[in-house]
């Protein structure tokens, strides 16, 4: 958008040579089909947001700029449209003078984005934005940044002098999601590499398919399902790859993940990185002699940590179709009666028994497994699950099934805490515009909720019927119960005594939601969990928050570590002059 405050020329007539802010916003809408804008406005961009609304763009005012960016990135993932951040900076004539909030934004953003630039004049803004959008789409998708000087925001330009490109935008200090135009070209793998990859699969005794986020973003679900079923291969998804194929698909071996990764001799990697999430593809979590067939859109990703036996570079969906074409001709299928399948199925059954035993415990407070077992029974199969936290996210991932692609949003590669509520708001906006009748369920650890908890006001303001489940163990990884907290408080200054991982016991997060007009529930028992979740899922008028209190020391399995209670005991020993040593690991 190139424009200024609504106005007229010296004769009182509209100037056709100058574009006003509203006219430009409509132009942006028609060219870009922009649907969503997330941000926090202030002078002089209040009018920009108002003009966007007048043009039909949905503006969602957030309570935190980080949450606005998280929401925009989630929209990009869910809709396949890239994210472009348009930021404002110092007036050009004040640069280097120490102006308000003067900072080298373009230079800083180059470290974290695919493209970062500041147009030198009003006339070139459209072409710079066009390059930003094109760069964000081509190759591996990624965010781009365009910086607009403050004096350009309210300036006018002669339309005849503008260097027009495919698109034109100049929003100041706003995060935008821009439609893909032009469509990125689709690249295919070399035919020889396709043949080589299938030869490696045929020779495998213990093959494994890993489905990553790249396959989800690439909309490869239909072709991948046909490929897995025709080839008869076991698969497991990465966290954001869940749902590309249903978690309850008979070929899914996610419940035997460790065994599958350790013993597979050939791994076909679809759009997943061999980073920390997949243990870098290295021993002791992987077979030292494993052969990797790597399918990725990004050439630079090939060979990271492990050199691939075969590299298939290109669009993931297109490459799966290439593999299918050859597979259909060869009429090959991995046998279902192999020792490998038996090993995986036995491990799945064994792990299921352990999880079930934990889930059916009737103790109060509940543990993670009990909570997720009962939540999973009530959640609709088509709901979008947003999740963040430590144990909450890790255990929830194994127990809350996804059956549709792009229906799980979590902390991702960087493990960024605070993304949950922004992601949920974005998903709720998409659900509302598409009238999909899909519930958005945000499963949070109590620590993770604290990063962006004020966004519950955003949900209430826009009547977004998100269901938030805070799994509250009073801490980061582990907490302490209320009685232990009181005893610690009697000992002196809590900043010297309380374990660094503890949070206030039984904090009333549910009352944060009710304070803004949403539904809040304090949950201690299975019966209360069922009642609160059923009521929340039936309410399409407002958001809900279930504050589920669990055992503070609950964990995914017994750990050879020191609990908070043991840590407190060591503090007591030290405070009484006893020098017993204790090694703590949280």
Protein backbone atom coordinates (compact mmCIF):
# COMPACT_ATOMS: atom_id res chain seq x y z
CA UNK A 1 0.00 0.00 0.00
CA UNK A 2 1.27 3.46 -0.90
CA UNK A 3 -0.73 6.22 0.67
CA UNK A 4 -1.36 8.85 3.30
CA UNK A 5 -4.15 10.08 5.48
CA UNK A 6 -7.48 10.37 3.60
CA UNK A 7 -7.55 13.81 1.99
CA UNK A 8 -8.05 15.88 -1.10
CA UNK A 9 -6.02 18.16 -3.30
CA UNK A 10 -5.94 21.97 -3.00
CA UNK A 11 -9.14 22.27 -5.03
CA UNK A 12 -11.03 19.90 -2.76
CA UNK A 13 -11.24 17.22 -5.45
CA UNK A 14 -9.78 13.72 -5.08
CA UNK A 15 -6.31 13.51 -6.53
CA UNK A 16 -6.10 10.70 -9.05
CA UNK A 17 -2.32 10.93 -9.17
CA UNK A 18 -1.99 10.24 -5.43
CA UNK A 19 -3.20 7.07 -3.81
CA UNK A 20 -4.93 7.45 -0.44
CA UNK A 21 -4.48 4.87 2.30
CA UNK A 22 -7.94 3.34 1.86
CA UNK A 23 -7.68 3.14 -1.92
CA UNK A 24 -4.27 1.49 -1.60
CA UNK A 25 -5.55 -1.05 0.93
CA UNK A 26 -8.29 -2.08 -1.49
CA UNK A 27 -5.65 -2.37 -4.17
CA UNK A 28 -3.60 -4.61 -1.89
CA UNK A 29 -6.63 -6.77 -1.18
CA UNK A 30 -7.46 -7.21 -4.86
CA UNK A 31 -3.89 -8.04 -5.83
CA UNK A 32 -2.80 -10.05 -2.82
CA UNK A 33 -6.00 -11.51 -1.42
CA UNK A 34 -4.70 -10.67 2.04
CA UNK A 35 -7.07 -12.13 4.60
CA UNK A 36 -5.42 -11.67 7.99
CA UNK A 37 -3.36 -9.05 9.74
CA UNK A 38 -2.00 -9.54 13.26
CA UNK A 39 -0.37 -6.78 15.25
CA UNK A 40 -0.39 -4.07 17.87
CA UNK A 41 -1.12 -0.61 16.52
CA UNK A 42 0.06 2.81 17.60
CA UNK A 43 0.71 6.16 15.95
CA UNK A 44 0.87 6.34 12.98
CA UNK A 45 -0.38 2.87 12.05
CA UNK A 46 -3.81 2.96 13.68
CA UNK A 47 -5.17 4.35 10.42
CA UNK A 48 -3.39 1.61 8.47
CA UNK A 49 -5.23 -1.08 10.42
CA UNK A 50 -8.53 0.78 10.01
CA UNK A 51 -7.97 1.08 6.27
CA UNK A 52 -7.19 -2.63 6.09
CA UNK A 53 -10.46 -3.45 7.82
CA UNK A 54 -12.33 -1.16 5.43
CA UNK A 55 -10.79 -3.11 2.57
CA UNK A 56 -12.03 -6.42 3.96
CA UNK A 57 -8.87 -7.60 5.73
CA UNK A 58 -9.44 -9.24 9.11
CA UNK A 59 -7.36 -7.37 11.67
CA UNK A 60 -6.63 -9.22 14.92
CA UNK A 61 -5.18 -7.00 17.62
CA UNK A 62 -2.90 -9.01 19.88
CA UNK A 63 -1.56 -8.25 23.35
CA UNK A 64 2.06 -9.04 22.53
CA UNK A 65 4.08 -8.57 19.34
CA UNK A 66 5.62 -12.03 19.67
CA UNK A 67 2.18 -13.61 19.80
CA UNK A 68 1.22 -11.62 16.69
CA UNK A 69 4.18 -13.11 14.82
CA UNK A 70 3.36 -16.60 16.11
CA UNK A 71 -0.22 -16.22 14.87
CA UNK A 72 0.93 -15.00 11.45
CA UNK A 73 3.35 -17.92 11.09
CA UNK A 74 0.60 -20.40 11.99
CA UNK A 75 -1.70 -18.86 9.37
CA UNK A 76 1.11 -19.28 6.84
CA UNK A 77 1.48 -22.95 7.74
CA UNK A 78 -2.24 -23.70 7.75
CA UNK A 79 -3.04 -21.90 4.50
CA UNK A 80 0.19 -22.34 2.57
CA UNK A 81 0.74 -18.58 2.33
CA UNK A 82 4.08 -17.07 3.25
CA UNK A 83 4.71 -14.60 6.06
CA UNK A 84 6.10 -11.15 5.34
CA UNK A 85 6.86 -8.78 8.19
CA UNK A 86 6.51 -5.11 7.35
CA UNK A 87 8.18 -2.95 9.99
CA UNK A 88 8.62 0.75 10.54
CA UNK A 89 11.78 2.65 11.38
CA UNK A 90 13.24 6.10 11.90
CA UNK A 91 12.52 8.93 9.45
CA UNK A 92 15.22 8.97 6.79
CA UNK A 93 16.39 12.48 7.67
CA UNK A 94 16.90 11.47 11.32
CA UNK A 95 18.97 8.36 10.72
CA UNK A 96 22.18 8.28 12.85
CA UNK A 97 20.88 11.24 14.90
CA UNK A 98 19.70 9.11 17.81
CA UNK A 99 16.04 9.16 16.88
CA UNK A 100 13.36 7.36 18.92
CA UNK A 101 13.95 3.60 18.77
CA UNK A 102 16.58 3.97 16.07
CA UNK A 103 18.06 0.54 15.41
CA UNK A 104 19.70 -1.29 12.45
CA UNK A 105 16.61 -3.42 11.88
CA UNK A 106 17.41 -4.49 8.32
CA UNK A 107 20.87 -5.68 9.28
CA UNK A 108 19.58 -7.51 12.35
CA UNK A 109 16.82 -9.27 10.43
CA UNK A 110 19.20 -10.57 7.79
CA UNK A 111 20.41 -13.13 10.32
CA UNK A 112 16.94 -14.61 10.78
CA UNK A 113 15.07 -14.14 7.52
CA UNK A 114 15.44 -15.12 3.88
CA UNK A 115 15.32 -11.50 2.74
CA UNK A 116 15.62 -8.15 4.51
CA UNK A 117 15.57 -4.72 2.85
CA UNK A 118 14.58 -1.07 3.23
CA UNK A 119 13.19 0.63 0.10
CA UNK A 120 15.15 3.75 -0.77
CA UNK A 121 12.08 5.63 -1.97
CA UNK A 122 8.31 5.37 -2.22
CA UNK A 123 8.54 4.52 -5.89
CA UNK A 124 10.42 1.24 -5.33
CA UNK A 125 8.33 -0.14 -2.46
CA UNK A 126 6.18 -2.37 -4.71
CA UNK A 127 9.17 -4.05 -6.34
CA UNK A 128 10.91 -4.62 -3.00
CA UNK A 129 7.76 -6.18 -1.54
CA UNK A 130 7.35 -8.36 -4.61
CA UNK A 131 10.84 -9.73 -4.11
CA UNK A 132 10.16 -10.34 -0.43
CA UNK A 133 7.03 -12.35 -1.17
CA UNK A 134 8.67 -14.27 -4.00
CA UNK A 135 11.70 -15.08 -1.86
CA UNK A 136 9.49 -16.24 1.00
CA UNK A 137 7.78 -18.77 -1.27
CA UNK A 138 10.57 -20.11 -3.46
CA UNK A 139 12.70 -22.99 -2.19
CA UNK A 140 12.19 -23.70 1.50
CA UNK A 141 9.50 -21.26 2.70
CA UNK A 142 10.68 -18.65 5.17
CA UNK A 143 9.88 -15.26 6.61
CA UNK A 144 11.05 -12.04 4.96
CA UNK A 145 11.34 -8.52 6.32
CA UNK A 146 10.76 -5.14 4.69
CA UNK A 147 11.51 -1.95 6.60
CA UNK A 148 9.58 1.24 5.82
CA UNK A 149 10.96 4.58 7.02
CA UNK A 150 8.58 6.59 9.19
CA UNK A 151 8.41 9.54 6.82
CA UNK A 152 7.21 7.25 4.02
CA UNK A 153 4.15 6.06 5.92
CA UNK A 154 2.22 9.28 5.59
CA UNK A 155 3.77 10.45 2.34
CA UNK A 156 2.16 10.61 -1.09
CA UNK A 157 3.60 9.57 -4.40
CA UNK A 158 2.75 10.28 -7.98
CA UNK A 159 1.23 7.04 -9.21
CA UNK A 160 2.81 7.45 -12.63
CA UNK A 161 6.30 7.27 -11.08
CA UNK A 162 5.76 4.07 -9.10
CA UNK A 163 7.77 1.07 -10.18
CA UNK A 164 4.89 -1.42 -10.06
CA UNK A 165 5.48 -5.09 -9.54
CA UNK A 166 3.09 -7.97 -9.02
CA UNK A 167 2.17 -6.65 -5.58
CA UNK A 168 2.34 -3.44 -3.58
CA UNK A 169 2.26 -3.02 0.18
CA UNK A 170 3.69 -0.60 2.71
CA UNK A 171 2.21 -1.37 6.09
CA UNK A 172 4.19 0.00 8.98
CA UNK A 173 4.94 -2.12 12.07
CA UNK A 174 2.39 -4.80 11.09
CA UNK A 175 2.75 -8.53 10.45
CA UNK A 176 1.03 -9.60 7.22
CA UNK A 177 0.27 -12.92 5.61
CA UNK A 178 0.50 -12.47 1.85
CA UNK A 179 -0.95 -14.77 -0.78
CA UNK A 180 1.40 -16.73 -3.00
CA UNK A 181 1.84 -14.95 -6.32
CA UNK A 182 3.31 -16.12 -8.59
CA UNK A 183 3.07 -19.83 -7.80
CA UNK A 184 6.53 -21.33 -7.16
CA UNK A 185 7.75 -23.69 -9.86
CA UNK A 186 7.58 -27.40 -9.02
CA UNK A 187 10.88 -29.23 -9.23
CA UNK A 188 11.31 -32.98 -9.69
CA UNK A 189 14.01 -35.39 -8.63
CA UNK A 190 16.30 -36.94 -11.21
CA UNK A 191 14.84 -40.16 -12.62
CA UNK A 192 18.05 -42.04 -11.86
CA UNK A 193 17.83 -41.05 -8.20
CA UNK A 194 14.22 -42.28 -8.05
CA UNK A 195 15.30 -45.67 -9.35
CA UNK A 196 18.22 -45.79 -6.93
CA UNK A 197 15.98 -44.93 -3.98
CA UNK A 198 13.51 -47.71 -4.76
CA UNK A 199 16.36 -50.19 -5.23
CA UNK A 200 17.62 -49.34 -1.74
CA UNK A 201 14.11 -49.86 -0.32
CA UNK A 202 13.74 -53.23 -2.01
CA UNK A 203 17.05 -54.38 -0.54
CA UNK A 204 16.14 -53.26 2.97
CA UNK A 205 15.37 -55.80 5.67
CA UNK A 206 14.16 -53.20 8.14
CA UNK A 207 12.83 -50.20 6.19
CA UNK A 208 11.26 -47.16 7.84
CA UNK A 209 9.50 -44.07 6.48
CA UNK A 210 9.73 -40.84 8.49
CA UNK A 211 7.18 -38.14 7.65
CA UNK A 212 8.14 -34.58 8.58
CA UNK A 213 6.64 -31.12 8.68
CA UNK A 214 7.88 -30.50 5.14
CA UNK A 215 5.51 -33.18 3.87
CA UNK A 216 2.64 -31.50 5.70
CA UNK A 217 3.47 -28.06 4.33
CA UNK A 218 3.91 -29.56 0.86
CA UNK A 219 0.37 -31.01 0.90
CA UNK A 220 1.75 -34.48 0.16
CA UNK A 221 -0.78 -36.42 2.26
CA UNK A 222 -2.75 -38.08 -0.55
CA UNK A 223 0.28 -39.31 -2.48
CA UNK A 224 2.11 -40.34 0.69
CA UNK A 225 -0.77 -42.43 1.95
CA UNK A 226 -0.97 -44.28 -1.35
CA UNK A 227 2.80 -44.79 -1.37
CA UNK A 228 2.94 -46.19 2.19
CA UNK A 229 0.00 -48.52 1.59
CA UNK A 230 1.14 -49.79 -1.80
CA UNK A 231 4.70 -50.33 -0.53
CA UNK A 232 3.53 -51.80 2.80
CA UNK A 233 6.10 -49.78 4.77
CA UNK A 234 6.07 -48.85 8.46
CA UNK A 235 6.14 -45.11 9.13
CA UNK A 236 6.42 -42.71 12.00
CA UNK A 237 5.79 -38.96 11.97
CA UNK A 238 7.81 -36.16 13.47
CA UNK A 239 5.79 -33.97 15.88
CA UNK A 240 4.55 -31.59 13.17
CA UNK A 241 4.26 -34.47 10.69
CA UNK A 242 1.49 -36.05 12.76
CA UNK A 243 -1.74 -36.38 10.82
CA UNK A 244 -0.23 -36.35 7.33
CA UNK A 245 -1.19 -39.98 7.63
CA UNK A 246 -3.55 -40.76 10.53
CA UNK A 247 -1.86 -41.64 13.81
CA UNK A 248 -4.14 -44.67 14.04
CA UNK A 249 -3.15 -45.94 10.59
CA UNK A 250 -2.14 -49.63 10.79
CA UNK A 251 1.31 -48.83 9.35
CA UNK A 252 2.07 -46.18 11.98
CA UNK A 253 4.77 -47.33 14.41
CA UNK A 254 5.06 -44.12 16.45
CA UNK A 255 4.38 -46.13 19.62
CA UNK A 256 7.60 -48.06 18.91
CA UNK A 257 9.58 -44.97 17.90
CA UNK A 258 12.83 -45.72 19.73
CA UNK A 259 12.96 -49.33 18.52
CA UNK A 260 12.14 -48.30 14.95
CA UNK A 261 14.85 -45.64 14.81
CA UNK A 262 17.47 -47.84 16.42
CA UNK A 263 17.04 -50.93 14.25
CA UNK A 264 15.99 -49.58 10.83
CA UNK A 265 18.58 -50.28 8.14
CA UNK A 266 17.05 -47.98 5.49
CA UNK A 267 15.21 -44.76 6.39
CA UNK A 268 13.19 -42.84 3.81
CA UNK A 269 13.05 -39.28 5.11
CA UNK A 270 10.22 -37.10 3.73
CA UNK A 271 10.66 -33.44 4.61
CA UNK A 272 12.24 -33.97 8.02
CA UNK A 273 15.59 -32.71 9.27
CA UNK A 274 18.12 -34.92 10.98
CA UNK A 275 18.36 -32.48 13.86
CA UNK A 276 17.84 -32.88 17.61
CA UNK A 277 14.25 -34.04 17.13
CA UNK A 278 15.55 -37.09 15.25
CA UNK A 279 18.72 -37.41 17.36
CA UNK A 280 20.82 -36.15 14.42
CA UNK A 281 20.45 -39.54 12.72
CA UNK A 282 23.41 -40.81 14.73
CA UNK A 283 24.19 -43.64 17.18
CA UNK A 284 23.23 -44.58 19.83
CA UNK A 285 19.68 -43.71 18.73
CA UNK A 286 20.20 -44.83 15.11
CA UNK A 287 21.81 -47.87 13.55
CA UNK A 288 25.43 -46.83 12.77
CA UNK A 289 25.10 -48.45 9.32
CA UNK A 290 21.70 -47.01 8.42
CA UNK A 291 21.17 -45.81 4.87
CA UNK A 292 19.28 -42.54 4.55
CA UNK A 293 17.14 -41.73 1.51
CA UNK A 294 16.56 -38.01 1.92
CA UNK A 295 13.70 -36.17 0.22
CA UNK A 296 13.82 -32.40 0.69
CA UNK A 297 13.08 -29.12 -1.04
CA UNK A 298 16.28 -27.52 0.27
CA UNK A 299 19.60 -28.57 -1.26
CA UNK A 300 21.54 -27.23 1.72
CA UNK A 301 19.71 -29.65 4.00
CA UNK A 302 21.07 -32.69 2.18
CA UNK A 303 23.79 -34.44 4.14
CA UNK A 304 23.43 -32.56 7.41
CA UNK A 305 24.86 -34.88 10.09
CA UNK A 306 24.49 -38.00 7.91
CA UNK A 307 25.42 -38.32 4.24
CA UNK A 308 22.42 -39.70 2.37
CA UNK A 309 22.74 -42.88 0.37
CA UNK A 310 20.30 -41.27 -2.08
CA UNK A 311 19.29 -37.59 -2.24
CA UNK A 312 15.98 -36.66 -3.87
CA UNK A 313 15.85 -32.89 -4.28
CA UNK A 314 12.59 -31.20 -5.17
CA UNK A 315 8.94 -30.73 -4.29
CA UNK A 316 7.98 -33.49 -1.84
CA UNK A 317 4.53 -34.16 -3.25
CA UNK A 318 5.91 -34.33 -6.78
CA UNK A 319 8.68 -36.71 -5.73
CA UNK A 320 6.24 -39.05 -3.96
CA UNK A 321 4.23 -39.16 -7.18
CA UNK A 322 7.43 -40.01 -9.07
CA UNK A 323 8.13 -42.85 -6.64
CA UNK A 324 4.55 -44.09 -7.00
CA UNK A 325 4.74 -44.21 -10.78
CA UNK A 326 7.74 -46.53 -10.69
CA UNK A 327 6.37 -48.53 -7.76
CA UNK A 328 3.12 -49.30 -9.59
CA UNK A 329 5.03 -50.63 -12.58
CA UNK A 330 7.30 -52.82 -10.46
CA UNK A 331 4.44 -54.23 -8.39
CA UNK A 332 6.70 -54.47 -5.30
CA UNK A 333 5.49 -54.51 -1.71
CA UNK A 334 7.37 -55.04 1.53
CA UNK A 335 6.05 -58.28 3.09
CA UNK A 336 3.77 -57.93 6.10
CA UNK A 337 4.95 -61.17 7.73
CA UNK A 338 8.58 -60.19 8.27
CA UNK A 339 10.46 -60.36 11.56
CA UNK A 340 10.77 -56.56 11.39
CA UNK A 341 7.01 -56.06 11.41
CA UNK A 342 6.68 -58.55 14.27
CA UNK A 343 9.34 -56.73 16.30
CA UNK A 344 7.64 -53.37 15.83
CA UNK A 345 4.16 -54.68 16.62
CA UNK A 346 5.36 -56.44 19.76
CA UNK A 347 6.98 -53.23 20.98
CA UNK A 348 3.81 -51.25 20.25
CA UNK A 349 1.77 -53.68 22.36
CA UNK A 350 4.29 -53.60 25.21
CA UNK A 351 4.44 -49.80 25.30
CA UNK A 352 0.65 -49.57 25.13
CA UNK A 353 0.36 -51.72 28.24
CA UNK A 354 2.71 -49.44 30.18
CA UNK A 355 0.85 -46.31 29.11
CA UNK A 356 -2.52 -47.88 29.86
CA UNK A 357 -1.42 -48.87 33.37
CA UNK A 358 -0.39 -45.27 34.06
CA UNK A 359 -3.53 -43.87 32.42
CA UNK A 360 -5.91 -45.97 34.50
CA UNK A 361 -4.47 -44.98 37.85
CA UNK A 362 -7.23 -43.56 40.02
CA UNK A 363 -5.08 -41.46 42.34
CA UNK A 364 -5.74 -37.79 43.03
CA UNK A 365 -3.93 -35.65 41.98
CA UNK A 366 -3.92 -37.23 38.53
CA UNK A 367 -0.81 -37.89 36.44
CA UNK A 368 -0.13 -36.85 32.83
CA UNK A 369 -1.22 -40.19 31.39
CA UNK A 370 -4.56 -40.19 33.20
CA UNK A 371 -5.31 -36.66 31.96
CA UNK A 372 -4.40 -37.35 28.35
CA UNK A 373 -6.16 -40.71 28.29
CA UNK A 374 -9.48 -39.13 29.22
CA UNK A 375 -8.95 -36.04 27.07
CA UNK A 376 -8.27 -38.25 24.05
CA UNK A 377 -11.58 -40.04 24.55
CA UNK A 378 -13.54 -36.79 24.27
CA UNK A 379 -11.71 -34.83 21.58
CA UNK A 380 -13.31 -34.77 18.10
CA UNK A 381 -11.24 -36.62 15.51
CA UNK A 382 -10.99 -33.52 13.31
CA UNK A 383 -9.93 -31.03 15.99
CA UNK A 384 -6.75 -28.98 15.66
CA UNK A 385 -4.44 -29.64 18.59
CA UNK A 386 -2.03 -26.91 19.65
CA UNK A 387 0.52 -27.95 22.24
CA UNK A 388 3.50 -26.58 24.10
CA UNK A 389 5.37 -27.30 27.29
CA UNK A 390 7.93 -29.89 28.32
CA UNK A 391 6.31 -33.07 29.61
CA UNK A 392 2.89 -31.76 28.56
CA UNK A 393 3.93 -31.56 24.92
CA UNK A 394 6.06 -34.70 24.87
CA UNK A 395 3.58 -37.02 26.57
CA UNK A 396 0.58 -35.41 24.88
CA UNK A 397 2.14 -36.03 21.49
CA UNK A 398 2.14 -39.78 22.13
CA UNK A 399 -1.42 -39.95 23.48
CA UNK A 400 -3.44 -37.36 21.56
CA UNK A 401 -3.93 -38.65 18.05
CA UNK A 402 -4.06 -36.53 14.91
CA UNK A 403 -5.97 -37.94 11.99
CA UNK A 404 -5.80 -35.05 9.53
CA UNK A 405 -2.82 -33.17 8.06
CA UNK A 406 -1.79 -29.80 9.53
CA UNK A 407 -3.96 -30.40 12.58
CA UNK A 408 -1.12 -30.25 15.07
CA UNK A 409 0.78 -27.09 15.93
CA UNK A 410 3.53 -27.21 18.54
CA UNK A 411 6.79 -25.60 19.64
CA UNK A 412 8.61 -27.05 16.62
CA UNK A 413 12.30 -27.15 15.79
CA UNK A 414 13.31 -24.36 18.15
CA UNK A 415 11.15 -25.60 21.02
CA UNK A 416 9.89 -22.05 21.46
CA UNK A 417 7.68 -21.60 24.50
CA UNK A 418 4.89 -19.05 24.23
CA UNK A 419 3.68 -20.02 20.76
CA UNK A 420 0.57 -21.86 21.90
CA UNK A 421 -2.04 -19.15 22.31
CA UNK A 422 -0.95 -17.25 19.19
CA UNK A 423 -1.14 -20.48 17.19
CA UNK A 424 -4.58 -21.24 18.65
CA UNK A 425 -5.89 -17.78 17.77
CA UNK A 426 -4.70 -18.19 14.20
CA UNK A 427 -6.28 -21.64 13.89
CA UNK A 428 -9.55 -20.30 15.31
CA UNK A 429 -9.54 -17.46 12.76
CA UNK A 430 -9.12 -19.93 9.90
CA UNK A 431 -11.82 -22.20 11.32
CA UNK A 432 -14.24 -19.27 11.58
CA UNK A 433 -13.62 -18.03 8.04
CA UNK A 434 -13.90 -21.52 6.53
CA UNK A 435 -16.88 -22.58 8.68
CA UNK A 436 -15.20 -25.94 9.18
CA UNK A 437 -16.84 -26.65 12.56
CA UNK A 438 -13.50 -27.94 13.84
CA UNK A 439 -12.62 -27.38 17.47
CA UNK A 440 -9.31 -25.75 18.41
CA UNK A 441 -7.84 -27.34 21.53
CA UNK A 442 -4.74 -25.77 23.07
CA UNK A 443 -2.90 -28.07 25.50
CA UNK A 444 -0.47 -26.10 27.65
CA UNK A 445 1.95 -26.73 30.43
CA UNK A 446 1.51 -24.24 33.26
CA UNK A 447 4.93 -22.72 32.62
CA UNK A 448 4.31 -22.42 28.87
CA UNK A 449 0.93 -20.79 29.47
CA UNK A 450 2.65 -18.03 31.42
CA UNK A 451 4.57 -16.84 28.35
CA UNK A 452 1.48 -15.55 26.55
CA UNK A 453 -1.40 -16.00 28.97
CA UNK A 454 -2.77 -12.50 28.40
CA UNK A 455 -3.85 -13.58 24.90
CA UNK A 456 -6.91 -15.13 26.56
CA UNK A 457 -8.24 -11.56 26.48
CA UNK A 458 -7.74 -11.58 22.70
CA UNK A 459 -9.76 -14.79 22.48
CA UNK A 460 -12.55 -13.32 24.62
CA UNK A 461 -12.56 -10.02 22.71
CA UNK A 462 -13.14 -11.79 19.40
CA UNK A 463 -15.29 -14.60 20.83
CA UNK A 464 -12.92 -17.28 19.56
CA UNK A 465 -14.15 -20.57 21.07
CA UNK A 466 -10.71 -22.02 21.79
CA UNK A 467 -10.54 -24.70 24.49
CA UNK A 468 -7.38 -24.31 26.58
CA UNK A 469 -6.26 -27.18 28.80
CA UNK A 470 -3.53 -26.13 31.25
CA UNK A 471 -1.88 -29.22 32.71
CA UNK A 472 -0.74 -27.72 35.98
CA UNK A 473 2.02 -29.45 37.95
CA UNK A 474 3.08 -26.29 39.78
CA UNK A 475 6.39 -25.96 38.00
CA UNK A 476 8.78 -26.31 35.11
CA UNK A 477 9.25 -30.09 34.72
CA UNK A 478 8.43 -30.58 38.44
CA UNK A 479 6.80 -28.52 41.18
CA UNK A 480 5.83 -28.91 44.80
CA UNK A 481 2.46 -29.21 46.49
CA UNK A 482 0.83 -26.42 48.49
CA UNK A 483 1.82 -27.81 51.89
CA UNK A 484 5.47 -28.13 50.90
CA UNK A 485 5.41 -24.56 49.59
CA UNK A 486 4.08 -23.31 52.93
CA UNK A 487 6.82 -25.16 54.79
CA UNK A 488 9.46 -23.63 52.54
CA UNK A 489 8.03 -20.15 53.13
CA UNK A 490 8.48 -20.65 56.90
CA UNK A 491 12.17 -21.36 56.34
CA UNK A 492 12.98 -17.90 55.05
CA UNK A 493 13.41 -16.02 51.79
CA UNK A 494 11.92 -18.14 49.00
CA UNK A 495 14.39 -16.71 46.48
CA UNK A 496 17.10 -18.60 48.36
CA UNK A 497 15.08 -21.72 49.14
CA UNK A 498 12.50 -22.48 46.45
CA UNK A 499 13.83 -24.74 43.68
CA UNK A 500 14.26 -22.71 40.47
CA UNK A 501 11.80 -24.96 38.65
CA UNK A 502 8.88 -24.31 41.01
CA UNK A 503 5.88 -22.09 40.34
CA UNK A 504 3.12 -21.00 42.72
CA UNK A 505 1.18 -24.15 43.66
CA UNK A 506 -2.38 -24.48 42.37
CA UNK A 507 -2.30 -21.12 40.61
CA UNK A 508 -5.81 -20.18 39.42
CA UNK A 509 -5.26 -19.88 35.68
CA UNK A 510 -8.97 -20.60 35.22
CA UNK A 511 -9.78 -17.30 36.90
CA UNK A 512 -7.67 -15.43 34.35
CA UNK A 513 -10.10 -16.65 31.70
CA UNK A 514 -13.23 -15.85 33.69
CA UNK A 515 -11.90 -12.35 34.38
CA UNK A 516 -12.31 -11.58 30.68
CA UNK A 517 -15.67 -13.28 30.23
CA UNK A 518 -14.68 -16.79 29.17
CA UNK A 519 -15.41 -20.07 30.92
CA UNK A 520 -12.98 -21.25 33.59
CA UNK A 521 -12.86 -24.63 35.30
CA UNK A 522 -10.72 -25.88 38.16
CA UNK A 523 -10.22 -29.62 37.63
CA UNK A 524 -8.88 -32.11 40.17
CA UNK A 525 -10.59 -35.42 39.30
CA UNK A 526 -11.43 -37.51 36.26
CA UNK A 527 -15.11 -36.75 36.74
CA UNK A 528 -14.48 -33.00 36.82
CA UNK A 529 -12.28 -33.32 33.73
CA UNK A 530 -15.01 -35.08 31.76
CA UNK A 531 -17.68 -32.59 32.80
CA UNK A 532 -15.59 -29.48 32.11
CA UNK A 533 -14.28 -30.68 28.74
CA UNK A 534 -17.72 -31.74 27.50
CA UNK A 535 -19.18 -28.35 28.44
CA UNK A 536 -16.29 -26.52 26.79
CA UNK A 537 -16.52 -28.49 23.55
CA UNK A 538 -20.23 -27.77 23.33
CA UNK A 539 -19.79 -23.99 23.70
CA UNK A 540 -19.17 -22.23 20.38
CA UNK A 541 -19.76 -18.73 21.78
CA UNK A 542 -16.70 -18.14 23.97
CA UNK A 543 -13.34 -19.63 24.93
CA UNK A 544 -12.80 -21.95 27.88
CA UNK A 545 -9.86 -22.80 30.12
CA UNK A 546 -9.51 -26.00 32.11
CA UNK A 547 -6.96 -25.66 34.92
CA UNK A 548 -6.11 -29.33 35.49
CA UNK A 549 -4.18 -29.89 38.71
CA UNK A 550 -1.90 -32.93 38.54
CA UNK A 551 0.66 -34.55 40.82
CA UNK A 552 3.63 -32.10 40.98
CA UNK A 553 6.18 -34.91 40.62
CA UNK A 554 4.37 -36.60 37.73
CA UNK A 555 6.68 -37.59 34.90
CA UNK A 556 6.73 -39.78 31.83
CA UNK A 557 8.65 -42.55 33.58
CA UNK A 558 10.81 -43.02 36.68
CA UNK A 559 13.93 -40.88 36.33
CA UNK A 560 17.31 -41.28 37.97
CA UNK A 561 17.17 -37.66 39.11
CA UNK A 562 16.52 -35.69 42.24
CA UNK A 563 12.92 -34.64 42.82
CA UNK A 564 11.92 -31.26 44.19
CA UNK A 565 11.16 -32.86 47.54
CA UNK A 566 14.68 -34.33 47.72
CA UNK A 567 16.10 -30.96 46.75
CA UNK A 568 14.15 -29.30 49.57
CA UNK A 569 15.47 -31.90 51.99
CA UNK A 570 19.03 -31.01 51.01
CA UNK A 571 18.25 -27.32 51.63
CA UNK A 572 16.99 -28.20 55.11
CA UNK A 573 20.18 -30.15 55.81
CA UNK A 574 22.32 -27.22 54.75
CA UNK A 575 20.25 -24.75 56.79
CA UNK A 576 20.83 -26.84 59.92
CA UNK A 577 24.56 -26.96 59.36
CA UNK A 578 24.77 -30.50 58.00
CA UNK A 579 27.09 -30.82 55.03
CA UNK A 580 25.52 -33.77 53.29
CA UNK A 581 26.15 -33.43 49.58
CA UNK A 582 23.51 -34.07 46.98
CA UNK A 583 23.74 -33.89 43.17
CA UNK A 584 20.65 -32.39 41.58
CA UNK A 585 19.40 -33.01 38.08
CA UNK A 586 16.05 -31.61 36.95
